Amino acid sequence: QVQLVESGGGLVQPGGSLRLSCAASRSIFYMGWYRQAPVKQHELVAAFTSGGRTNYVDSVKGRFTISRDNAKNTIYLRMNSLKPEDTAVYYCNAKVFMSGSWDDYWGQGTQVTVSS
């Protein structure tokens, strides 16, 4: 079993910045951030992929940065130049290979609201 605890959401003005954190109960390589906005599809925002690479949705490239602190089993999402369309509930995700298949684990979600 894996627990993911998120923090760092809130209300910010357009152009502002926030940093989200997600602490895992153990070391996990494949982790990332998804978001769900009203009347929009659940989408991948940023994630660590094989080979130590990172993947970003086009709409956040150049503005968001995913990073990790392996000693703390924690990943971060630094969000700069925030726009109203970034408003969503952000979820931390971890993918764990167990008993022959990949399982997804999710954090509780943290609200990010970008508004003046």
PDB file of N, CA and C in Angstrom:
ATOM      1  N   GLN A   1       0.852  -1.189   0.000  1.00  0.00           N
ATOM      2  CA  GLN A   1       0.000   0.000   0.000  1.00  0.00           C
ATOM      3  C   GLN A   1       0.890   1.242   0.000  1.00  0.00           C
ATOM      4  N   VAL A   2       0.437   2.264  -0.680  1.00  0.00           N
ATOM      5  CA  VAL A   2       1.189   3.508  -0.795  1.00  0.00           C
ATOM      6  C   VAL A   2       0.292   4.664  -0.372  1.00  0.00           C
ATOM      7  N   GLN A   3       0.814   5.534   0.453  1.00  0.00           N
ATOM      8  CA  GLN A   3       0.089   6.751   0.811  1.00  0.00           C
ATOM      9  C   GLN A   3       0.808   7.948   0.210  1.00  0.00           C
ATOM     10  N   LEU A   4       0.002   8.852  -0.322  1.00  0.00           N
ATOM     11  CA  LEU A   4       0.526  10.084  -0.914  1.00  0.00           C
ATOM     12  C   LEU A   4      -0.158  11.257  -0.229  1.00  0.00           C
ATOM     13  N   VAL A   5       0.626  12.169   0.289  1.00  0.00           N
ATOM     14  CA  VAL A   5       0.071  13.331   0.986  1.00  0.00           C
ATOM     15  C   VAL A   5       0.528  14.596   0.276  1.00  0.00           C
ATOM     16  N   GLU A   6      -0.449  15.354  -0.199  1.00  0.00           N
ATOM     17  CA  GLU A   6      -0.163  16.561  -0.953  1.00  0.00           C
ATOM     18  C   GLU A   6      -0.303  17.808  -0.090  1.00  0.00           C
ATOM     19  N   SER A   7       0.371  18.854  -0.513  1.00  0.00           N
ATOM     20  CA  SER A   7       0.216  20.150   0.135  1.00  0.00           C
ATOM     21  C   SER A   7       0.632  21.231  -0.842  1.00  0.00           C
ATOM     22  N   GLY A   8       0.238  22.468  -0.541  1.00  0.00           N
ATOM     23  CA  GLY A   8       0.738  23.595  -1.299  1.00  0.00           C
ATOM     24  C   GLY A   8      -0.229  24.313  -2.205  1.00  0.00           C
ATOM     25  N   GLY A   9      -1.453  23.842  -2.308  1.00  0.00           N
ATOM     26  CA  GLY A   9      -2.396  24.544  -3.161  1.00  0.00           C
ATOM     27  C   GLY A   9      -2.869  25.839  -2.539  1.00  0.00           C
ATOM     28  N   GLY A  10      -3.715  26.555  -3.288  1.00  0.00           N
ATOM     29  CA  GLY A  10      -4.243  27.795  -2.751  1.00  0.00           C
ATOM     30  C   GLY A  10      -4.736  28.721  -3.833  1.00  0.00           C
ATOM     31  N   LEU A  11      -4.985  29.956  -3.432  1.00  0.00           N
ATOM     32  CA  LEU A  11      -5.457  30.998  -4.339  1.00  0.00           C
ATOM     33  C   LEU A  11      -4.293  31.910  -4.691  1.00  0.00           C
ATOM     34  N   VAL A  12      -4.130  32.175  -5.969  1.00  0.00           N
ATOM     35  CA  VAL A  12      -3.036  33.021  -6.425  1.00  0.00           C
ATOM     36  C   VAL A  12      -3.527  33.872  -7.584  1.00  0.00           C
ATOM     37  N   GLN A  13      -2.953  35.040  -7.728  1.00  0.00           N
ATOM     38  CA  GLN A  13      -3.326  35.918  -8.834  1.00  0.00           C
ATOM     39  C   GLN A  13      -2.661  35.469 -10.128  1.00  0.00           C
ATOM     40  N   PRO A  14      -3.246  35.802 -11.258  1.00  0.00           N
ATOM     41  CA  PRO A  14      -2.591  35.481 -12.535  1.00  0.00           C
ATOM     42  C   PRO A  14      -1.176  36.045 -12.569  1.00  0.00           C
ATOM     43  N   GLY A  15      -0.262  35.226 -13.080  1.00  0.00           N
ATOM     44  CA  GLY A  15       1.140  35.603 -13.102  1.00  0.00           C
ATOM     45  C   GLY A  15       1.906  35.192 -11.876  1.00  0.00           C
ATOM     46  N   GLY A  16       1.207  34.729 -10.865  1.00  0.00           N
ATOM     47  CA  GLY A  16       1.847  34.322  -9.622  1.00  0.00           C
ATOM     48  C   GLY A  16       2.409  32.915  -9.686  1.00  0.00           C
ATOM     49  N   SER A  17       2.929  32.468  -8.539  1.00  0.00           N
ATOM     50  CA  SER A  17       3.579  31.160  -8.456  1.00  0.00           C
ATOM     51  C   SER A  17       3.081  30.384  -7.244  1.00  0.00           C
ATOM     52  N   LEU A  18       3.149  29.078  -7.363  1.00  0.00           N
ATOM     53  CA  LEU A  18       2.859  28.168  -6.259  1.00  0.00           C
ATOM     54  C   LEU A  18       3.782  26.971  -6.387  1.00  0.00           C
ATOM     55  N   ARG A  19       4.015  26.309  -5.258  1.00  0.00           N
ATOM     56  CA  ARG A  19       4.727  25.045  -5.304  1.00  0.00           C
ATOM     57  C   ARG A  19       3.910  23.991  -4.579  1.00  0.00           C
ATOM     58  N   LEU A  20       3.634  22.908  -5.291  1.00  0.00           N
ATOM     59  CA  LEU A  20       2.939  21.762  -4.701  1.00  0.00           C
ATOM     60  C   LEU A  20       3.958  20.721  -4.261  1.00  0.00           C
ATOM     61  N   SER A  21       3.613  20.026  -3.191  1.00  0.00           N
ATOM     62  CA  SER A  21       4.461  18.939  -2.691  1.00  0.00           C
ATOM     63  C   SER A  21       3.638  17.676  -2.556  1.00  0.00           C
ATOM     64  N   CYS A  22       4.285  16.552  -2.745  1.00  0.00           N
ATOM     65  CA  CYS A  22       3.631  15.258  -2.559  1.00  0.00           C
ATOM     66  C   CYS A  22       4.628  14.319  -1.896  1.00  0.00           C
ATOM     67  N   ALA A  23       4.327  13.928  -0.661  1.00  0.00           N
ATOM     68  CA  ALA A  23       5.189  13.020   0.092  1.00  0.00           C
ATOM     69  C   ALA A  23       4.623  11.612   0.016  1.00  0.00           C
ATOM     70  N   ALA A  24       5.461  10.681  -0.416  1.00  0.00           N
ATOM     71  CA  ALA A  24       5.051   9.281  -0.512  1.00  0.00           C
ATOM     72  C   ALA A  24       5.517   8.515   0.715  1.00  0.00           C
ATOM     73  N   SER A  25       4.792   7.430   1.011  1.00  0.00           N
ATOM     74  CA  SER A  25       5.123   6.630   2.191  1.00  0.00           C
ATOM     75  C   SER A  25       6.355   5.769   1.976  1.00  0.00           C
ATOM     76  N   ARG A  26       6.793   5.663   0.707  1.00  0.00           N
ATOM     77  CA  ARG A  26       8.028   4.948   0.422  1.00  0.00           C
ATOM     78  C   ARG A  26       8.598   5.438  -0.891  1.00  0.00           C
ATOM     79  N   SER A  27       9.782   4.962  -1.231  1.00  0.00           N
ATOM     80  CA  SER A  27      10.444   5.395  -2.456  1.00  0.00           C
ATOM     81  C   SER A  27       9.733   4.830  -3.683  1.00  0.00           C
ATOM     82  N   ILE A  28       9.382   5.699  -4.596  1.00  0.00           N
ATOM     83  CA  ILE A  28       8.704   5.301  -5.833  1.00  0.00           C
ATOM     84  C   ILE A  28       9.302   6.111  -6.966  1.00  0.00           C
ATOM     85  N   PHE A  29       9.635   5.452  -8.070  1.00  0.00           N
ATOM     86  CA  PHE A  29      10.256   6.176  -9.174  1.00  0.00           C
ATOM     87  C   PHE A  29       9.239   6.918 -10.037  1.00  0.00           C
ATOM     88  N   TYR A  30       8.209   6.168 -10.472  1.00  0.00           N
ATOM     89  CA  TYR A  30       7.261   6.766 -11.414  1.00  0.00           C
ATOM     90  C   TYR A  30       6.188   7.555 -10.665  1.00  0.00           C
ATOM     91  N   MET A  31       6.408   8.845 -10.623  1.00  0.00           N
ATOM     92  CA  MET A  31       5.452   9.729  -9.963  1.00  0.00           C
ATOM     93  C   MET A  31       5.187  10.936 -10.853  1.00  0.00           C
ATOM     94  N   GLY A  32       4.048  11.554 -10.646  1.00  0.00           N
ATOM     95  CA  GLY A  32       3.726  12.712 -11.438  1.00  0.00           C
ATOM     96  C   GLY A  32       2.534  13.462 -10.891  1.00  0.00           C
ATOM     97  N   TRP A  33       2.124  14.468 -11.639  1.00  0.00           N
ATOM     98  CA  TRP A  33       0.997  15.321 -11.264  1.00  0.00           C
ATOM     99  C   TRP A  33      -0.050  15.319 -12.373  1.00  0.00           C
ATOM    100  N   TYR A  34      -1.309  15.191 -11.963  1.00  0.00           N
ATOM    101  CA  TYR A  34      -2.452  15.304 -12.863  1.00  0.00           C
ATOM    102  C   TYR A  34      -3.335  16.435 -12.338  1.00  0.00           C
ATOM    103  N   ARG A  35      -4.259  16.884 -13.187  1.00  0.00           N
ATOM    104  CA  ARG A  35      -5.209  17.881 -12.715  1.00  0.00           C
ATOM    105  C   ARG A  35      -6.584  17.624 -13.321  1.00  0.00           C
ATOM    106  N   GLN A  36      -7.578  18.087 -12.592  1.00  0.00           N
ATOM    107  CA  GLN A  36      -8.963  17.952 -13.020  1.00  0.00           C
ATOM    108  C   GLN A  36      -9.648  19.290 -12.819  1.00  0.00           C
ATOM    109  N   ALA A  37     -10.035  19.901 -13.917  1.00  0.00           N
ATOM    110  CA  ALA A  37     -10.780  21.159 -13.857  1.00  0.00           C
ATOM    111  C   ALA A  37     -12.249  20.875 -14.165  1.00  0.00           C
ATOM    112  N   PRO A  38     -13.146  21.751 -13.701  1.00  0.00           N
ATOM    113  CA  PRO A  38     -14.569  21.540 -13.999  1.00  0.00           C
ATOM    114  C   PRO A  38     -14.817  21.444 -15.499  1.00  0.00           C
ATOM    115  N   VAL A  39     -15.617  20.541 -15.901  1.00  0.00           N
ATOM    116  CA  VAL A  39     -16.024  20.273 -17.286  1.00  0.00           C
ATOM    117  C   VAL A  39     -14.842  20.009 -18.208  1.00  0.00           C
ATOM    118  N   LYS A  40     -13.715  19.630 -17.660  1.00  0.00           N
ATOM    119  CA  LYS A  40     -12.567  19.255 -18.479  1.00  0.00           C
ATOM    120  C   LYS A  40     -12.112  17.856 -18.112  1.00  0.00           C
ATOM    121  N   GLN A  41     -11.361  17.259 -19.032  1.00  0.00           N
ATOM    122  CA  GLN A  41     -10.862  15.913 -18.772  1.00  0.00           C
ATOM    123  C   GLN A  41      -9.706  15.952 -17.778  1.00  0.00           C
ATOM    124  N   HIS A  42      -9.605  14.863 -17.045  1.00  0.00           N
ATOM    125  CA  HIS A  42      -8.459  14.631 -16.192  1.00  0.00           C
ATOM    126  C   HIS A  42      -7.226  14.562 -17.089  1.00  0.00           C
ATOM    127  N   GLU A  43      -6.187  15.357 -16.778  1.00  0.00           N
ATOM    128  CA  GLU A  43      -5.030  15.362 -17.670  1.00  0.00           C
ATOM    129  C   GLU A  43      -3.717  15.293 -16.902  1.00  0.00           C
ATOM    130  N   LEU A  44      -2.764  14.669 -17.566  1.00  0.00           N
ATOM    131  CA  LEU A  44      -1.407  14.623 -17.025  1.00  0.00           C
ATOM    132  C   LEU A  44      -0.790  16.014 -17.162  1.00  0.00           C
ATOM    133  N   VAL A  45      -0.203  16.502 -16.094  1.00  0.00           N
ATOM    134  CA  VAL A  45       0.464  17.795 -16.114  1.00  0.00           C
ATOM    135  C   VAL A  45       1.967  17.615 -16.284  1.00  0.00           C
ATOM    136  N   ALA A  46       2.565  16.783 -15.445  1.00  0.00           N
ATOM    137  CA  ALA A  46       4.008  16.554 -15.492  1.00  0.00           C
ATOM    138  C   ALA A  46       4.313  15.240 -14.796  1.00  0.00           C
ATOM    139  N   ALA A  47       5.334  14.544 -15.279  1.00  0.00           N
ATOM    140  CA  ALA A  47       5.664  13.258 -14.675  1.00  0.00           C
ATOM    141  C   ALA A  47       7.109  12.890 -14.967  1.00  0.00           C
ATOM    142  N   PHE A  48       7.636  12.043 -14.100  1.00  0.00           N
ATOM    143  CA  PHE A  48       8.945  11.438 -14.334  1.00  0.00           C
ATOM    144  C   PHE A  48       8.722  10.186 -15.168  1.00  0.00           C
ATOM    145  N   THR A  49       9.542  10.034 -16.210  1.00  0.00           N
ATOM    146  CA  THR A  49       9.407   8.873 -17.077  1.00  0.00           C
ATOM    147  C   THR A  49      10.705   8.071 -17.053  1.00  0.00           C
ATOM    148  N   SER A  50      10.724   7.003 -17.834  1.00  0.00           N
ATOM    149  CA  SER A  50      11.895   6.143 -17.858  1.00  0.00           C
ATOM    150  C   SER A  50      13.117   6.910 -18.333  1.00  0.00           C
ATOM    151  N   GLY A  51      14.266   6.458 -17.883  1.00  0.00           N
ATOM    152  CA  GLY A  51      15.502   7.104 -18.285  1.00  0.00           C
ATOM    153  C   GLY A  51      15.761   8.414 -17.585  1.00  0.00           C
ATOM    154  N   GLY A  52      15.016   8.698 -16.546  1.00  0.00           N
ATOM    155  CA  GLY A  52      15.234   9.935 -15.801  1.00  0.00           C
ATOM    156  C   GLY A  52      14.698  11.169 -16.491  1.00  0.00           C
ATOM    157  N   ARG A  53      13.876  10.980 -17.499  1.00  0.00           N
ATOM    158  CA  ARG A  53      13.313  12.126 -18.226  1.00  0.00           C
ATOM    159  C   ARG A  53      12.035  12.604 -17.551  1.00  0.00           C
ATOM    160  N   THR A  54      11.608  13.788 -17.969  1.00  0.00           N
ATOM    161  CA  THR A  54      10.349  14.354 -17.495  1.00  0.00           C
ATOM    162  C   THR A  54       9.454  14.647 -18.688  1.00  0.00           C
ATOM    163  N   ASN A  55       8.164  14.608 -18.436  1.00  0.00           N
ATOM    164  CA  ASN A  55       7.182  14.831 -19.489  1.00  0.00           C
ATOM    165  C   ASN A  55       6.195  15.885 -19.007  1.00  0.00           C
ATOM    166  N   TYR A  56       5.858  16.838 -19.873  1.00  0.00           N
ATOM    167  CA  TYR A  56       4.935  17.914 -19.521  1.00  0.00           C
ATOM    168  C   TYR A  56       3.838  18.032 -20.588  1.00  0.00           C
ATOM    169  N   VAL A  57       2.651  18.384 -20.146  1.00  0.00           N
ATOM    170  CA  VAL A  57       1.617  18.732 -21.116  1.00  0.00           C
ATOM    171  C   VAL A  57       2.024  20.046 -21.774  1.00  0.00           C
ATOM    172  N   ASP A  58       1.709  20.218 -23.042  1.00  0.00           N
ATOM    173  CA  ASP A  58       2.177  21.389 -23.788  1.00  0.00           C
ATOM    174  C   ASP A  58       1.809  22.703 -23.128  1.00  0.00           C
ATOM    175  N   SER A  59       0.653  22.760 -22.533  1.00  0.00           N
ATOM    176  CA  SER A  59       0.155  24.029 -21.995  1.00  0.00           C
ATOM    177  C   SER A  59       0.957  24.543 -20.798  1.00  0.00           C
ATOM    178  N   VAL A  60       1.793  23.707 -20.190  1.00  0.00           N
ATOM    179  CA  VAL A  60       2.562  24.152 -19.023  1.00  0.00           C
ATOM    180  C   VAL A  60       4.062  24.191 -19.286  1.00  0.00           C
ATOM    181  N   LYS A  61       4.479  23.776 -20.456  1.00  0.00           N
ATOM    182  CA  LYS A  61       5.918  23.769 -20.758  1.00  0.00           C
ATOM    183  C   LYS A  61       6.496  25.169 -20.652  1.00  0.00           C
ATOM    184  N   GLY A  62       7.637  25.246 -19.983  1.00  0.00           N
ATOM    185  CA  GLY A  62       8.282  26.540 -19.771  1.00  0.00           C
ATOM    186  C   GLY A  62       7.771  27.287 -18.551  1.00  0.00           C
ATOM    187  N   ARG A  63       6.676  26.828 -17.957  1.00  0.00           N
ATOM    188  CA  ARG A  63       6.120  27.495 -16.785  1.00  0.00           C
ATOM    189  C   ARG A  63       6.170  26.617 -15.538  1.00  0.00           C
ATOM    190  N   PHE A  64       5.974  25.318 -15.708  1.00  0.00           N
ATOM    191  CA  PHE A  64       5.943  24.383 -14.587  1.00  0.00           C
ATOM    192  C   PHE A  64       7.208  23.527 -14.605  1.00  0.00           C
ATOM    193  N   THR A  65       7.662  23.162 -13.418  1.00  0.00           N
ATOM    194  CA  THR A  65       8.826  22.280 -13.284  1.00  0.00           C
ATOM    195  C   THR A  65       8.546  21.227 -12.238  1.00  0.00           C
ATOM    196  N   ILE A  66       8.718  19.977 -12.634  1.00  0.00           N
ATOM    197  CA  ILE A  66       8.599  18.878 -11.675  1.00  0.00           C
ATOM    198  C   ILE A  66       9.993  18.527 -11.165  1.00  0.00           C
ATOM    199  N   SER A  67      10.076  18.265  -9.874  1.00  0.00           N
ATOM    200  CA  SER A  67      11.364  17.895  -9.296  1.00  0.00           C
ATOM    201  C   SER A  67      11.117  16.912  -8.153  1.00  0.00           C
ATOM    202  N   ARG A  68      12.216  16.371  -7.610  1.00  0.00           N
ATOM    203  CA  ARG A  68      12.050  15.389  -6.540  1.00  0.00           C
ATOM    204  C   ARG A  68      13.198  15.472  -5.556  1.00  0.00           C
ATOM    205  N   ASP A  69      12.889  15.074  -4.327  1.00  0.00           N
ATOM    206  CA  ASP A  69      13.893  14.909  -3.285  1.00  0.00           C
ATOM    207  C   ASP A  69      13.815  13.458  -2.851  1.00  0.00           C
ATOM    208  N   ASN A  70      14.726  12.639  -3.338  1.00  0.00           N
ATOM    209  CA  ASN A  70      14.650  11.208  -3.070  1.00  0.00           C
ATOM    210  C   ASN A  70      14.825  10.880  -1.586  1.00  0.00           C
ATOM    211  N   ALA A  71      15.590  11.701  -0.883  1.00  0.00           N
ATOM    212  CA  ALA A  71      15.808  11.444   0.539  1.00  0.00           C
ATOM    213  C   ALA A  71      14.517  11.597   1.336  1.00  0.00           C
ATOM    214  N   LYS A  72      13.602  12.402   0.813  1.00  0.00           N
ATOM    215  CA  LYS A  72      12.322  12.644   1.493  1.00  0.00           C
ATOM    216  C   LYS A  72      11.156  11.927   0.831  1.00  0.00           C
ATOM    217  N   ASN A  73      11.413  11.139  -0.213  1.00  0.00           N
ATOM    218  CA  ASN A  73      10.339  10.470  -0.968  1.00  0.00           C
ATOM    219  C   ASN A  73       9.269  11.481  -1.382  1.00  0.00           C
ATOM    220  N   THR A  74       9.708  12.626  -1.850  1.00  0.00           N
ATOM    221  CA  THR A  74       8.794  13.724  -2.135  1.00  0.00           C
ATOM    222  C   THR A  74       9.045  14.270  -3.538  1.00  0.00           C
ATOM    223  N   ILE A  75       7.950  14.562  -4.223  1.00  0.00           N
ATOM    224  CA  ILE A  75       8.061  15.273  -5.487  1.00  0.00           C
ATOM    225  C   ILE A  75       7.401  16.635  -5.345  1.00  0.00           C
ATOM    226  N   TYR A  76       7.782  17.526  -6.235  1.00  0.00           N
ATOM    227  CA  TYR A  76       7.294  18.891  -6.203  1.00  0.00           C
ATOM    228  C   TYR A  76       6.822  19.298  -7.596  1.00  0.00           C
ATOM    229  N   LEU A  77       5.958  20.291  -7.613  1.00  0.00           N
ATOM    230  CA  LEU A  77       5.572  20.918  -8.871  1.00  0.00           C
ATOM    231  C   LEU A  77       5.646  22.424  -8.655  1.00  0.00           C
ATOM    232  N   ARG A  78       6.647  23.016  -9.259  1.00  0.00           N
ATOM    233  CA  ARG A  78       6.786  24.460  -9.187  1.00  0.00           C
ATOM    234  C   ARG A  78       6.011  25.041 -10.352  1.00  0.00           C
ATOM    235  N   MET A  79       5.067  25.912 -10.050  1.00  0.00           N
ATOM    236  CA  MET A  79       4.198  26.492 -11.070  1.00  0.00           C
ATOM    237  C   MET A  79       4.413  28.003 -11.097  1.00  0.00           C
ATOM    238  N   ASN A  80       4.948  28.484 -12.209  1.00  0.00           N
ATOM    239  CA  ASN A  80       5.178  29.915 -12.400  1.00  0.00           C
ATOM    240  C   ASN A  80       4.250  30.460 -13.481  1.00  0.00           C
ATOM    241  N   SER A  81       4.125  31.766 -13.515  1.00  0.00           N
ATOM    242  CA  SER A  81       3.305  32.430 -14.543  1.00  0.00           C
ATOM    243  C   SER A  81       1.936  31.790 -14.655  1.00  0.00           C
ATOM    244  N   LEU A  82       1.311  31.594 -13.522  1.00  0.00           N
ATOM    245  CA  LEU A  82       0.026  30.896 -13.501  1.00  0.00           C
ATOM    246  C   LEU A  82      -1.044  31.681 -14.235  1.00  0.00           C
ATOM    247  N   LYS A  83      -1.928  30.922 -14.884  1.00  0.00           N
ATOM    248  CA  LYS A  83      -3.014  31.487 -15.665  1.00  0.00           C
ATOM    249  C   LYS A  83      -4.351  30.996 -15.100  1.00  0.00           C
ATOM    250  N   PRO A  84      -5.425  31.721 -15.344  1.00  0.00           N
ATOM    251  CA  PRO A  84      -6.737  31.246 -14.865  1.00  0.00           C
ATOM    252  C   PRO A  84      -7.061  29.831 -15.343  1.00  0.00           C
ATOM    253  N   GLU A  85      -6.614  29.482 -16.527  1.00  0.00           N
ATOM    254  CA  GLU A  85      -6.906  28.139 -17.049  1.00  0.00           C
ATOM    255  C   GLU A  85      -6.126  27.039 -16.336  1.00  0.00           C
ATOM    256  N   ASP A  86      -5.214  27.409 -15.456  1.00  0.00           N
ATOM    257  CA  ASP A  86      -4.524  26.410 -14.632  1.00  0.00           C
ATOM    258  C   ASP A  86      -5.354  26.026 -13.402  1.00  0.00           C
ATOM    259  N   THR A  87      -6.447  26.717 -13.192  1.00  0.00           N
ATOM    260  CA  THR A  87      -7.311  26.421 -12.054  1.00  0.00           C
ATOM    261  C   THR A  87      -7.841  24.993 -12.156  1.00  0.00           C
ATOM    262  N   ALA A  88      -7.613  24.212 -11.111  1.00  0.00           N
ATOM    263  CA  ALA A  88      -8.008  22.803 -11.110  1.00  0.00           C
ATOM    264  C   ALA A  88      -7.678  22.211  -9.751  1.00  0.00           C
ATOM    265  N   VAL A  89      -8.153  20.999  -9.546  1.00  0.00           N
ATOM    266  CA  VAL A  89      -7.667  20.185  -8.436  1.00  0.00           C
ATOM    267  C   VAL A  89      -6.486  19.382  -8.969  1.00  0.00           C
ATOM    268  N   TYR A  90      -5.368  19.487  -8.285  1.00  0.00           N
ATOM    269  CA  TYR A  90      -4.149  18.804  -8.699  1.00  0.00           C
ATOM    270  C   TYR A  90      -3.951  17.558  -7.848  1.00  0.00           C
ATOM    271  N   TYR A  91      -3.660  16.456  -8.532  1.00  0.00           N
ATOM    272  CA  TYR A  91      -3.502  15.173  -7.860  1.00  0.00           C
ATOM    273  C   TYR A  91      -2.104  14.620  -8.098  1.00  0.00           C
ATOM    274  N   CYS A  92      -1.504  14.151  -7.046  1.00  0.00           N
ATOM    275  CA  CYS A  92      -0.245  13.428  -7.143  1.00  0.00           C
ATOM    276  C   CYS A  92      -0.541  11.976  -7.516  1.00  0.00           C
ATOM    277  N   ASN A  93       0.284  11.420  -8.372  1.00  0.00           N
ATOM    278  CA  ASN A  93       0.102  10.034  -8.821  1.00  0.00           C
ATOM    279  C   ASN A  93       1.392   9.264  -8.655  1.00  0.00           C
ATOM    280  N   ALA A  94       1.258   8.008  -8.262  1.00  0.00           N
ATOM    281  CA  ALA A  94       2.405   7.102  -8.204  1.00  0.00           C
ATOM    282  C   ALA A  94       2.031   5.808  -8.892  1.00  0.00           C
ATOM    283  N   LYS A  95       2.950   5.287  -9.674  1.00  0.00           N
ATOM    284  CA  LYS A  95       2.730   4.025 -10.377  1.00  0.00           C
ATOM    285  C   LYS A  95       3.706   2.995  -9.812  1.00  0.00           C
ATOM    286  N   VAL A  96       3.144   1.877  -9.347  1.00  0.00           N
ATOM    287  CA  VAL A  96       3.942   0.848  -8.709  1.00  0.00           C
ATOM    288  C   VAL A  96       3.692  -0.484  -9.401  1.00  0.00           C
ATOM    289  N   PHE A  97       4.791  -1.163  -9.767  1.00  0.00           N
ATOM    290  CA  PHE A  97       4.667  -2.481 -10.390  1.00  0.00           C
ATOM    291  C   PHE A  97       4.630  -3.516  -9.283  1.00  0.00           C
ATOM    292  N   MET A  98       3.531  -4.243  -9.229  1.00  0.00           N
ATOM    293  CA  MET A  98       3.343  -5.176  -8.123  1.00  0.00           C
ATOM    294  C   MET A  98       2.552  -6.375  -8.618  1.00  0.00           C
ATOM    295  N   SER A  99       3.030  -7.566  -8.315  1.00  0.00           N
ATOM    296  CA  SER A  99       2.327  -8.813  -8.675  1.00  0.00           C
ATOM    297  C   SER A  99       2.004  -8.872 -10.159  1.00  0.00           C
ATOM    298  N   GLY A 100       2.944  -8.417 -10.979  1.00  0.00           N
ATOM    299  CA  GLY A 100       2.783  -8.556 -12.411  1.00  0.00           C
ATOM    300  C   GLY A 100       2.000  -7.479 -13.112  1.00  0.00           C
ATOM    301  N   SER A 101       1.593  -6.438 -12.407  1.00  0.00           N
ATOM    302  CA  SER A 101       0.854  -5.370 -13.072  1.00  0.00           C
ATOM    303  C   SER A 101       1.158  -4.027 -12.413  1.00  0.00           C
ATOM    304  N   TRP A 102       0.813  -2.963 -13.139  1.00  0.00           N
ATOM    305  CA  TRP A 102       1.029  -1.615 -12.619  1.00  0.00           C
ATOM    306  C   TRP A 102      -0.223  -1.168 -11.873  1.00  0.00           C
ATOM    307  N   ASP A 103      -0.019  -0.632 -10.697  1.00  0.00           N
ATOM    308  CA  ASP A 103      -1.113  -0.069  -9.902  1.00  0.00           C
ATOM    309  C   ASP A 103      -0.910   1.432  -9.781  1.00  0.00           C
ATOM    310  N   ASP A 104      -2.028   2.161  -9.821  1.00  0.00           N
ATOM    311  CA  ASP A 104      -1.998   3.609  -9.637  1.00  0.00           C
ATOM    312  C   ASP A 104      -2.452   3.966  -8.233  1.00  0.00           C
ATOM    313  N   TYR A 105      -1.694   4.891  -7.630  1.00  0.00           N
ATOM    314  CA  TYR A 105      -2.074   5.448  -6.335  1.00  0.00           C
ATOM    315  C   TYR A 105      -2.216   6.953  -6.491  1.00  0.00           C
ATOM    316  N   TRP A 106      -3.161   7.519  -5.718  1.00  0.00           N
ATOM    317  CA  TRP A 106      -3.475   8.941  -5.867  1.00  0.00           C
ATOM    318  C   TRP A 106      -3.455   9.651  -4.523  1.00  0.00           C
ATOM    319  N   GLY A 107      -3.024  10.899  -4.577  1.00  0.00           N
ATOM    320  CA  GLY A 107      -3.143  11.747  -3.408  1.00  0.00           C
ATOM    321  C   GLY A 107      -4.573  12.239  -3.259  1.00  0.00           C
ATOM    322  N   GLN A 108      -4.811  13.004  -2.205  1.00  0.00           N
ATOM    323  CA  GLN A 108      -6.166  13.450  -1.890  1.00  0.00           C
ATOM    324  C   GLN A 108      -6.598  14.620  -2.764  1.00  0.00           C
ATOM    325  N   GLY A 109      -5.660  15.235  -3.463  1.00  0.00           N
ATOM    326  CA  GLY A 109      -5.974  16.373  -4.305  1.00  0.00           C
ATOM    327  C   GLY A 109      -5.798  17.675  -3.551  1.00  0.00           C
ATOM    328  N   THR A 110      -5.327  18.683  -4.270  1.00  0.00           N
ATOM    329  CA  THR A 110      -5.180  20.010  -3.679  1.00  0.00           C
ATOM    330  C   THR A 110      -5.664  21.046  -4.689  1.00  0.00           C
ATOM    331  N   GLN A 111      -6.498  21.956  -4.216  1.00  0.00           N
ATOM    332  CA  GLN A 111      -7.108  22.944  -5.109  1.00  0.00           C
ATOM    333  C   GLN A 111      -6.125  24.075  -5.411  1.00  0.00           C
ATOM    334  N   VAL A 112      -6.015  24.370  -6.695  1.00  0.00           N
ATOM    335  CA  VAL A 112      -5.263  25.540  -7.145  1.00  0.00           C
ATOM    336  C   VAL A 112      -6.246  26.447  -7.874  1.00  0.00           C
ATOM    337  N   THR A 113      -6.365  27.667  -7.409  1.00  0.00           N
ATOM    338  CA  THR A 113      -7.261  28.634  -8.024  1.00  0.00           C
ATOM    339  C   THR A 113      -6.468  29.864  -8.435  1.00  0.00           C
ATOM    340  N   VAL A 114      -6.543  30.190  -9.716  1.00  0.00           N
ATOM    341  CA  VAL A 114      -5.827  31.350 -10.248  1.00  0.00           C
ATOM    342  C   VAL A 114      -6.874  32.391 -10.639  1.00  0.00           C
ATOM    343  N   SER A 115      -6.905  33.457  -9.871  1.00  0.00           N
ATOM    344  CA  SER A 115      -7.948  34.452 -10.087  1.00  0.00           C
ATOM    345  C   SER A 115      -7.525  35.780  -9.499  1.00  0.00           C
ATOM    346  N   SER A 116      -7.971  36.854 -10.131  1.00  0.00           N
ATOM    347  CA  SER A 116      -7.703  38.191  -9.599  1.00  0.00           C
ATOM    348  C   SER A 116      -8.867  38.649  -8.722  1.00  0.00           C
TER     349      SER A 116
END
